[in-house]
Amino acid sequence: MKSIVYLAAIGMTCLNIAACQPRDAAKAPTAPVGESWVELAETDVATVGAGEIGLVLRANGTLRAIRQSSVRAKVAGEIVEVGVREGERVNAGQLLAKIDPSDYVSRLEDRQASMEASRAQAAFAESTRRKNEELLQKKFISPQAYDAAKSGAEVSLAQRQSLEAQVVLAKKALEDTLVRAPISGWVAERAVQRGDKTPVDGRLFTLVDLSRLELEALVPANEIARVAVGQAFSLGVEGFSGQRFEGRVARIGPMAVSGSRSVPIYIEVSNPDSALKAGLFAEGTLSIGRHAAPSLAPISALHSESGVNFVYLIDAEQIRRQPVETGIFSPAEGIVEIVKGLTAGNRIVAANLGVLKEGARVRPAVNK
């Protein structure tokens, strides 16, 4: 099932690391009895700031081959040879299987013999017509006699043409006993074995061309105006951890899907080395614009407990747990929009240091 959610794609511009200057160990303050301290390095602290982030659509779904072919038998018969197996690459025109040609060879020979006899008969009828035409001109025969000869010649000609067409069909049927690949690609399925009987239109193989794959995604109707053919799409694919692949919006559906108020878009992914496979789950992001956010914070600063998000705010050099409401996320840049709970200039614990004690005092980490 495909889904779309908002994320952020472009990094925060105003997220600054707080200027916590390390102090000499001899000058570091000492904690009174019963008071807790938290040592923080410069990289552990960040200042909330305003900035611009990019809006993106997140799409997921299953990759499918743009070109695939279900190879079916054009003639009935026994499979006498199967030349390929699942997972093998084939080229267009390559022999995949062979159907017993015996019946089709006999049928062709019969049609050819009938055609030769018909040709001889047609030639004789035409010769008779020409002689009768000469006799008619000399008034040795009646017009009715000539018409009979002419009609006989036309019938013989039509019979010859009919048998010639039957010979063509018999040759085609014989050729169809050789099952060939209609496209270049990979054998995804082999439905027959040697010795199997196949009817006309019986399923034999499924071929897929992996050089170009496609991902279908649903875009909310209120965002479809932001999508255009040619936009870049970055995606990750199941089984390819840490790798990113690039695609492009190839087509936009002409109408919304009934009951969903979403419009399908089709993202084409180039796959020249056939590394990606059809049927794998993929997800990625499509940039659709920029957004100004008044408060941005590192995602690493965000914690959650019982469904409530919070950060550790540094208030008067003390740790305070501050609930927040979040907006747009940017996992790629590691930032999140804070809609409520923080303002620009607030200092927070940016590193995920685990659970910190409420009210603990903050001091710079001592260099050792």
Protein backbone atom coordinates (compact mmCIF):
# COMPACT_ATOMS: atom_id res chain seq x y z
CA MET A 1 0.00 0.00 0.00
CA LYS A 2 1.44 3.33 -1.01
CA SER A 3 1.40 6.38 1.26
CA ILE A 4 2.46 10.04 1.07
CA VAL A 5 3.53 12.25 4.01
CA TYR A 6 5.25 15.64 4.28
CA LEU A 7 8.95 15.75 5.07
CA ALA A 8 11.69 18.33 4.69
CA ALA A 9 14.40 18.01 2.07
CA ILE A 10 16.56 21.11 2.30
CA GLY A 11 18.71 21.83 5.31
CA MET A 12 18.15 24.43 7.99
CA THR A 13 20.12 27.58 7.43
CA CYS A 14 20.03 29.13 10.89
CA LEU A 15 20.81 26.24 13.26
CA ASN A 16 23.87 27.32 15.24
CA ILE A 17 25.95 25.42 17.71
CA ALA A 18 25.99 27.21 21.03
CA ALA A 19 29.24 28.84 21.98
CA CYS A 20 29.97 26.73 25.02
CA GLN A 21 33.66 27.40 25.62
CA PRO A 22 35.49 24.62 27.50
CA ARG A 23 37.14 25.80 30.67
CA ASP A 24 40.22 24.66 32.43
CA ALA A 25 39.67 21.78 34.86
CA ALA A 26 41.09 23.80 37.72
CA LYS A 27 38.47 26.55 37.12
CA ALA A 28 35.47 24.21 36.62
CA PRO A 29 32.79 24.81 39.24
CA THR A 30 32.20 22.18 41.86
CA ALA A 31 28.74 20.95 42.68
CA PRO A 32 27.32 21.62 46.09
CA VAL A 33 26.41 18.57 48.10
CA GLY A 34 23.22 16.95 46.74
CA GLU A 35 23.22 18.94 43.45
CA SER A 36 23.52 17.21 40.01
CA TRP A 37 25.69 18.38 37.14
CA VAL A 38 25.68 17.60 33.42
CA GLU A 39 28.85 18.11 31.41
CA LEU A 40 28.17 19.15 27.80
CA ALA A 41 30.61 19.57 24.93
CA GLU A 42 30.15 22.26 22.30
CA THR A 43 28.68 19.72 19.90
CA ASP A 44 26.12 18.62 22.50
CA VAL A 45 24.39 22.02 22.51
CA ALA A 46 22.47 23.83 19.74
CA THR A 47 20.65 27.13 19.46
CA VAL A 48 17.16 27.08 17.99
CA GLY A 49 16.94 29.33 14.95
CA ALA A 50 14.67 30.31 12.09
CA GLY A 51 15.36 29.17 8.56
CA GLU A 52 14.02 27.76 5.33
CA ILE A 53 13.45 24.11 4.66
CA GLY A 54 12.15 22.34 1.61
CA LEU A 55 8.79 20.63 1.39
CA VAL A 56 8.87 17.20 -0.17
CA LEU A 57 6.45 14.42 -0.86
CA ARG A 58 7.41 11.05 0.49
CA ALA A 59 6.23 8.18 -1.70
CA ASN A 60 6.50 4.45 -1.37
CA GLY A 61 5.39 1.46 -3.35
CA THR A 62 6.57 -1.53 -5.32
CA LEU A 63 8.89 -1.27 -8.30
CA ARG A 64 7.58 -2.79 -11.50
CA ALA A 65 9.07 -3.32 -14.92
CA ILE A 66 7.87 -0.84 -17.54
CA ARG A 67 8.25 -3.49 -20.23
CA GLN A 68 7.28 -7.08 -19.60
CA SER A 69 5.83 -9.80 -21.76
CA SER A 70 3.76 -12.90 -21.17
CA VAL A 71 4.88 -15.38 -23.82
CA ARG A 72 2.03 -17.67 -24.93
CA ALA A 73 1.82 -20.54 -27.39
CA LYS A 74 0.55 -19.57 -30.83
CA VAL A 75 -0.03 -23.19 -31.80
CA ALA A 76 -1.01 -26.28 -29.81
CA GLY A 77 1.24 -29.28 -29.31
CA GLU A 78 3.78 -31.06 -27.16
CA ILE A 79 6.76 -29.15 -25.76
CA VAL A 80 9.79 -31.01 -27.06
CA GLU A 81 12.46 -28.54 -25.98
CA VAL A 82 12.87 -25.83 -23.33
CA GLY A 83 16.03 -23.78 -23.66
CA VAL A 84 15.90 -21.30 -20.77
CA ARG A 85 15.28 -21.21 -17.03
CA GLU A 86 14.14 -18.63 -14.50
CA GLY A 87 16.70 -15.91 -13.84
CA GLU A 88 18.43 -16.18 -17.22
CA ARG A 89 18.85 -13.20 -19.51
CA VAL A 90 17.52 -13.52 -23.06
CA ASN A 91 17.69 -11.36 -26.17
CA ALA A 92 14.82 -10.48 -28.47
CA GLY A 93 14.34 -13.28 -30.99
CA GLN A 94 16.17 -15.87 -28.92
CA LEU A 95 14.70 -19.41 -28.98
CA LEU A 96 12.95 -20.17 -25.70
CA ALA A 97 11.16 -23.45 -26.44
CA LYS A 98 10.11 -25.73 -29.27
CA ILE A 99 6.71 -27.34 -29.91
CA ASP A 100 6.56 -30.65 -31.79
CA PRO A 101 6.43 -29.59 -35.48
CA SER A 102 5.43 -32.96 -37.01
CA ASP A 103 1.77 -32.14 -37.60
CA TYR A 104 2.60 -28.70 -38.94
CA VAL A 105 5.21 -30.05 -41.37
CA SER A 106 2.64 -32.53 -42.75
CA ARG A 107 0.00 -29.85 -43.00
CA LEU A 108 2.37 -27.55 -44.90
CA GLU A 109 3.33 -30.30 -47.33
CA ASP A 110 -0.35 -31.07 -47.97
CA ARG A 111 -1.14 -27.42 -48.62
CA GLN A 112 1.84 -27.04 -50.92
CA ALA A 113 0.81 -30.09 -52.97
CA SER A 114 -2.75 -28.78 -53.27
CA MET A 115 -1.42 -25.39 -54.29
CA GLU A 116 0.75 -26.88 -57.06
CA ALA A 117 -2.23 -28.82 -58.42
CA SER A 118 -4.35 -25.70 -58.28
CA ARG A 119 -1.72 -23.70 -60.13
CA ALA A 120 -1.65 -26.27 -62.92
CA GLN A 121 -5.43 -26.29 -63.12
CA ALA A 122 -5.57 -22.49 -63.14
CA ALA A 123 -2.95 -22.34 -65.89
CA PHE A 124 -4.93 -24.84 -68.00
CA ALA A 125 -8.18 -22.90 -67.44
CA GLU A 126 -6.49 -19.65 -68.45
CA SER A 127 -5.09 -21.27 -71.58
CA THR A 128 -8.56 -22.54 -72.49
CA ARG A 129 -10.02 -19.07 -71.97
CA ARG A 130 -7.47 -17.47 -74.32
CA LYS A 131 -8.15 -20.05 -77.06
CA ASN A 132 -11.88 -19.57 -76.71
CA GLU A 133 -11.36 -15.82 -76.92
CA GLU A 134 -9.64 -16.28 -80.26
CA LEU A 135 -12.43 -18.57 -81.46
CA LEU A 136 -15.02 -16.03 -80.35
CA GLN A 137 -13.33 -13.31 -82.38
CA LYS A 138 -13.52 -15.60 -85.43
CA LYS A 139 -17.11 -16.39 -84.52
CA PHE A 140 -16.39 -20.12 -84.28
CA ILE A 141 -18.05 -20.31 -80.81
CA SER A 142 -20.91 -18.52 -79.15
CA PRO A 143 -20.46 -15.80 -76.53
CA GLN A 144 -22.03 -18.17 -74.00
CA ALA A 145 -19.31 -20.76 -74.58
CA TYR A 146 -16.63 -18.14 -74.10
CA ASP A 147 -18.26 -16.88 -70.89
CA ALA A 148 -18.24 -20.43 -69.53
CA ALA A 149 -14.52 -20.77 -70.25
CA LYS A 150 -13.84 -17.35 -68.73
CA SER A 151 -15.80 -18.22 -65.58
CA GLY A 152 -13.90 -21.50 -65.24
CA ALA A 153 -10.58 -19.66 -65.47
CA GLU A 154 -11.63 -17.15 -62.78
CA VAL A 155 -12.76 -19.93 -60.45
CA SER A 156 -9.47 -21.78 -60.92
CA LEU A 157 -7.53 -18.56 -60.23
CA ALA A 158 -9.48 -17.93 -57.01
CA GLN A 159 -8.87 -21.52 -55.86
CA ARG A 160 -5.17 -21.12 -56.54
CA GLN A 161 -5.03 -17.88 -54.55
CA SER A 162 -6.92 -19.50 -51.67
CA LEU A 163 -4.50 -22.42 -51.52
CA GLU A 164 -1.52 -20.05 -51.71
CA ALA A 165 -2.90 -18.20 -48.66
CA GLN A 166 -3.33 -21.53 -46.87
CA VAL A 167 0.31 -22.35 -47.59
CA VAL A 168 1.34 -19.02 -46.02
CA LEU A 169 -0.71 -19.82 -42.92
CA ALA A 170 0.76 -23.33 -42.75
CA LYS A 171 4.28 -21.88 -42.95
CA LYS A 172 3.43 -19.40 -40.21
CA ALA A 173 2.07 -22.19 -37.98
CA LEU A 174 5.26 -24.19 -38.53
CA GLU A 175 7.38 -21.15 -37.63
CA ASP A 176 5.28 -20.66 -34.49
CA THR A 177 6.40 -24.04 -33.18
CA LEU A 178 9.65 -22.19 -32.41
CA VAL A 179 8.85 -20.00 -29.41
CA ARG A 180 11.06 -16.92 -29.44
CA ALA A 181 11.54 -14.03 -27.01
CA PRO A 182 9.54 -10.95 -28.07
CA ILE A 183 11.75 -8.62 -25.98
CA SER A 184 15.17 -8.62 -24.40
CA GLY A 185 15.08 -9.15 -20.66
CA TRP A 186 15.07 -11.74 -17.91
CA VAL A 187 13.05 -14.91 -17.55
CA ALA A 188 10.84 -14.24 -14.54
CA GLU A 189 8.69 -17.36 -14.88
CA ARG A 190 8.77 -20.64 -16.80
CA ALA A 191 5.36 -22.31 -16.82
CA VAL A 192 6.15 -25.43 -18.91
CA GLN A 193 8.53 -28.38 -18.93
CA ARG A 194 9.61 -30.69 -21.70
CA GLY A 195 6.82 -33.14 -22.47
CA ASP A 196 4.00 -30.84 -21.41
CA LYS A 197 1.05 -30.32 -23.74
CA THR A 198 0.15 -26.73 -24.46
CA PRO A 199 -3.06 -25.41 -26.00
CA VAL A 200 -3.25 -22.40 -28.27
CA ASP A 201 -2.64 -19.30 -26.10
CA GLY A 202 -1.21 -21.46 -23.31
CA ARG A 203 1.10 -19.52 -20.97
CA LEU A 204 4.75 -20.47 -21.39
CA PHE A 205 7.06 -17.76 -20.00
CA THR A 206 7.06 -14.33 -18.42
CA LEU A 207 9.86 -11.96 -19.45
CA VAL A 208 10.75 -8.65 -17.78
CA ASP A 209 12.99 -5.87 -19.02
CA LEU A 210 14.78 -4.47 -15.94
CA SER A 211 16.56 -1.63 -17.73
CA ARG A 212 13.73 0.74 -16.75
CA LEU A 213 11.55 0.37 -13.68
CA GLU A 214 8.56 2.37 -12.51
CA LEU A 215 7.12 3.37 -9.15
CA GLU A 216 3.50 4.45 -8.87
CA ALA A 217 2.68 6.91 -6.07
CA LEU A 218 -0.45 8.75 -4.99
CA VAL A 219 -0.21 12.52 -4.51
CA PRO A 220 -2.90 14.44 -2.59
CA ALA A 221 -5.07 16.47 -4.95
CA ASN A 222 -4.16 19.72 -3.19
CA GLU A 223 -0.45 19.15 -3.96
CA ILE A 224 -0.64 17.82 -7.52
CA ALA A 225 -0.17 21.33 -8.99
CA ARG A 226 3.36 21.34 -7.50
CA VAL A 227 4.32 18.15 -9.36
CA ALA A 228 5.69 18.34 -12.90
CA VAL A 229 7.02 15.83 -15.39
CA GLY A 230 10.80 15.63 -15.16
CA GLN A 231 11.13 16.39 -11.44
CA ALA A 232 13.89 14.42 -9.72
CA PHE A 233 12.99 11.70 -7.24
CA SER A 234 15.47 10.20 -4.78
CA LEU A 235 14.65 6.75 -3.48
CA GLY A 236 15.95 3.93 -1.36
CA VAL A 237 15.15 0.33 -2.18
CA GLU A 238 14.61 -2.69 0.05
CA GLY A 239 17.78 -4.77 0.23
CA PHE A 240 20.06 -1.89 -0.84
CA SER A 241 20.75 -0.34 2.56
CA GLY A 242 22.58 2.97 2.41
CA GLN A 243 22.26 3.30 -1.36
CA ARG A 244 20.21 5.96 -3.09
CA PHE A 245 18.84 5.77 -6.61
CA GLU A 246 17.60 8.56 -8.84
CA GLY A 247 14.35 8.66 -10.77
CA ARG A 248 12.20 11.14 -12.67
CA VAL A 249 8.50 11.85 -12.79
CA ALA A 250 7.57 10.32 -16.15
CA ARG A 251 3.79 10.71 -16.18
CA ILE A 252 0.98 12.24 -14.15
CA GLY A 253 -2.38 10.50 -14.03
CA PRO A 254 -5.25 12.26 -15.83
CA MET A 255 -7.75 11.80 -12.99
CA ALA A 256 -7.94 11.28 -9.25
CA VAL A 257 -8.39 7.79 -7.88
CA SER A 258 -12.01 7.26 -6.92
CA GLY A 259 -12.61 7.70 -3.20
CA SER A 260 -9.04 8.77 -2.36
CA ARG A 261 -8.82 12.39 -3.60
CA SER A 262 -5.31 11.50 -4.78
CA VAL A 263 -3.77 11.57 -8.24
CA PRO A 264 -1.31 8.88 -9.32
CA ILE A 265 2.12 9.84 -10.57
CA TYR A 266 4.56 7.47 -12.25
CA ILE A 267 8.26 7.70 -11.44
CA GLU A 268 10.69 6.13 -13.87
CA VAL A 269 13.96 4.74 -12.51
CA SER A 270 16.86 3.98 -14.85
CA ASN A 271 18.42 0.59 -14.07
CA PRO A 272 20.99 -0.12 -16.83
CA ASP A 273 22.89 -2.76 -14.87
CA SER A 274 19.66 -4.52 -13.79
CA ALA A 275 20.75 -4.34 -10.15
CA LEU A 276 17.25 -3.42 -8.97
CA LYS A 277 14.57 -6.06 -9.32
CA ALA A 278 10.89 -5.76 -10.08
CA GLY A 279 8.70 -6.32 -7.04
CA LEU A 280 11.07 -4.72 -4.50
CA PHE A 281 9.64 -2.18 -2.06
CA ALA A 282 10.97 1.36 -2.57
CA GLU A 283 10.44 4.70 -0.89
CA GLY A 284 11.76 8.15 -1.59
CA THR A 285 11.18 11.88 -1.68
CA LEU A 286 10.11 14.40 -4.29
CA SER A 287 10.93 18.08 -3.69
CA ILE A 288 7.91 20.34 -4.19
CA GLY A 289 9.01 23.71 -2.77
CA ARG A 290 10.42 25.64 0.21
CA HIS A 291 8.97 26.59 3.57
CA ALA A 292 10.01 29.27 6.08
CA ALA A 293 10.09 27.93 9.63
CA PRO A 294 10.42 30.21 12.69
CA SER A 295 12.00 27.48 14.84
CA LEU A 296 14.22 24.63 13.74
CA ALA A 297 15.99 22.08 15.90
CA PRO A 298 18.10 18.95 15.39
CA ILE A 299 16.06 15.75 15.22
CA SER A 300 18.58 14.21 17.61
CA ALA A 301 17.37 16.66 20.29
CA LEU A 302 13.82 15.31 20.09
CA HIS A 303 12.59 12.74 22.62
CA SER A 304 9.21 11.11 23.07
CA GLU A 305 7.44 9.64 26.06
CA SER A 306 3.83 8.44 26.25
CA GLY A 307 3.15 10.04 22.88
CA VAL A 308 4.46 13.46 23.97
CA ASN A 309 7.49 15.00 22.24
CA PHE A 310 9.96 17.02 24.32
CA VAL A 311 13.48 18.42 24.31
CA TYR A 312 15.96 19.20 27.07
CA LEU A 313 16.01 23.00 27.30
CA ILE A 314 18.98 24.76 28.91
CA ASP A 315 17.33 27.44 31.05
CA ALA A 316 19.54 29.52 33.35
CA GLU A 317 22.24 26.85 32.97
CA GLN A 318 19.84 24.20 34.22
CA ILE A 319 18.22 21.27 32.41
CA ARG A 320 14.49 21.62 31.92
CA ARG A 321 12.23 19.20 30.08
CA GLN A 322 10.26 21.20 27.49
CA PRO A 323 7.24 19.68 25.64
CA VAL A 324 7.11 20.64 21.95
CA GLU A 325 4.87 20.25 18.93
CA THR A 326 6.64 19.32 15.71
CA GLY A 327 5.96 20.18 12.08
CA ILE A 328 8.05 19.19 9.08
CA PHE A 329 10.82 16.62 9.48
CA SER A 330 14.02 16.43 7.43
CA PRO A 331 15.78 13.12 8.17
CA ALA A 332 18.25 13.77 5.36
CA GLU A 333 19.44 17.02 7.01
CA GLY A 334 18.72 15.90 10.56
CA ILE A 335 16.36 18.79 11.44
CA VAL A 336 12.75 19.25 12.47
CA GLU A 337 10.40 22.24 12.56
CA ILE A 338 9.19 23.14 16.06
CA VAL A 339 5.68 24.55 15.82
CA LYS A 340 5.14 25.15 19.53
CA GLY A 341 7.29 25.05 22.66
CA LEU A 342 10.52 26.71 21.52
CA THR A 343 11.52 30.06 20.05
CA ALA A 344 14.57 31.24 18.17
CA GLY A 345 17.50 31.72 20.55
CA ASN A 346 16.60 28.88 22.92
CA ARG A 347 19.52 26.61 23.79
CA ILE A 348 18.82 22.91 23.85
CA VAL A 349 20.70 19.65 24.28
CA ALA A 350 21.24 18.58 20.69
CA ALA A 351 22.91 15.22 21.34
CA ASN A 352 20.93 12.20 22.42
CA LEU A 353 22.52 11.64 25.82
CA GLY A 354 19.72 9.52 27.18
CA VAL A 355 17.61 10.53 30.16
CA LEU A 356 18.78 13.75 31.84
CA LYS A 357 17.74 14.78 35.34
CA GLU A 358 15.34 17.70 35.55
CA GLY A 359 17.03 20.67 37.23
CA ALA A 360 20.58 19.38 36.74
CA ARG A 361 23.08 22.18 36.29
CA VAL A 362 25.08 22.49 33.04
CA ARG A 363 28.82 22.96 32.79
CA PRO A 364 31.23 22.62 29.86
CA ALA A 365 32.94 19.27 29.45
CA VAL A 366 36.53 19.34 30.68
CA ASN A 367 39.24 18.49 28.16
CA LYS A 368 41.45 15.68 29.36
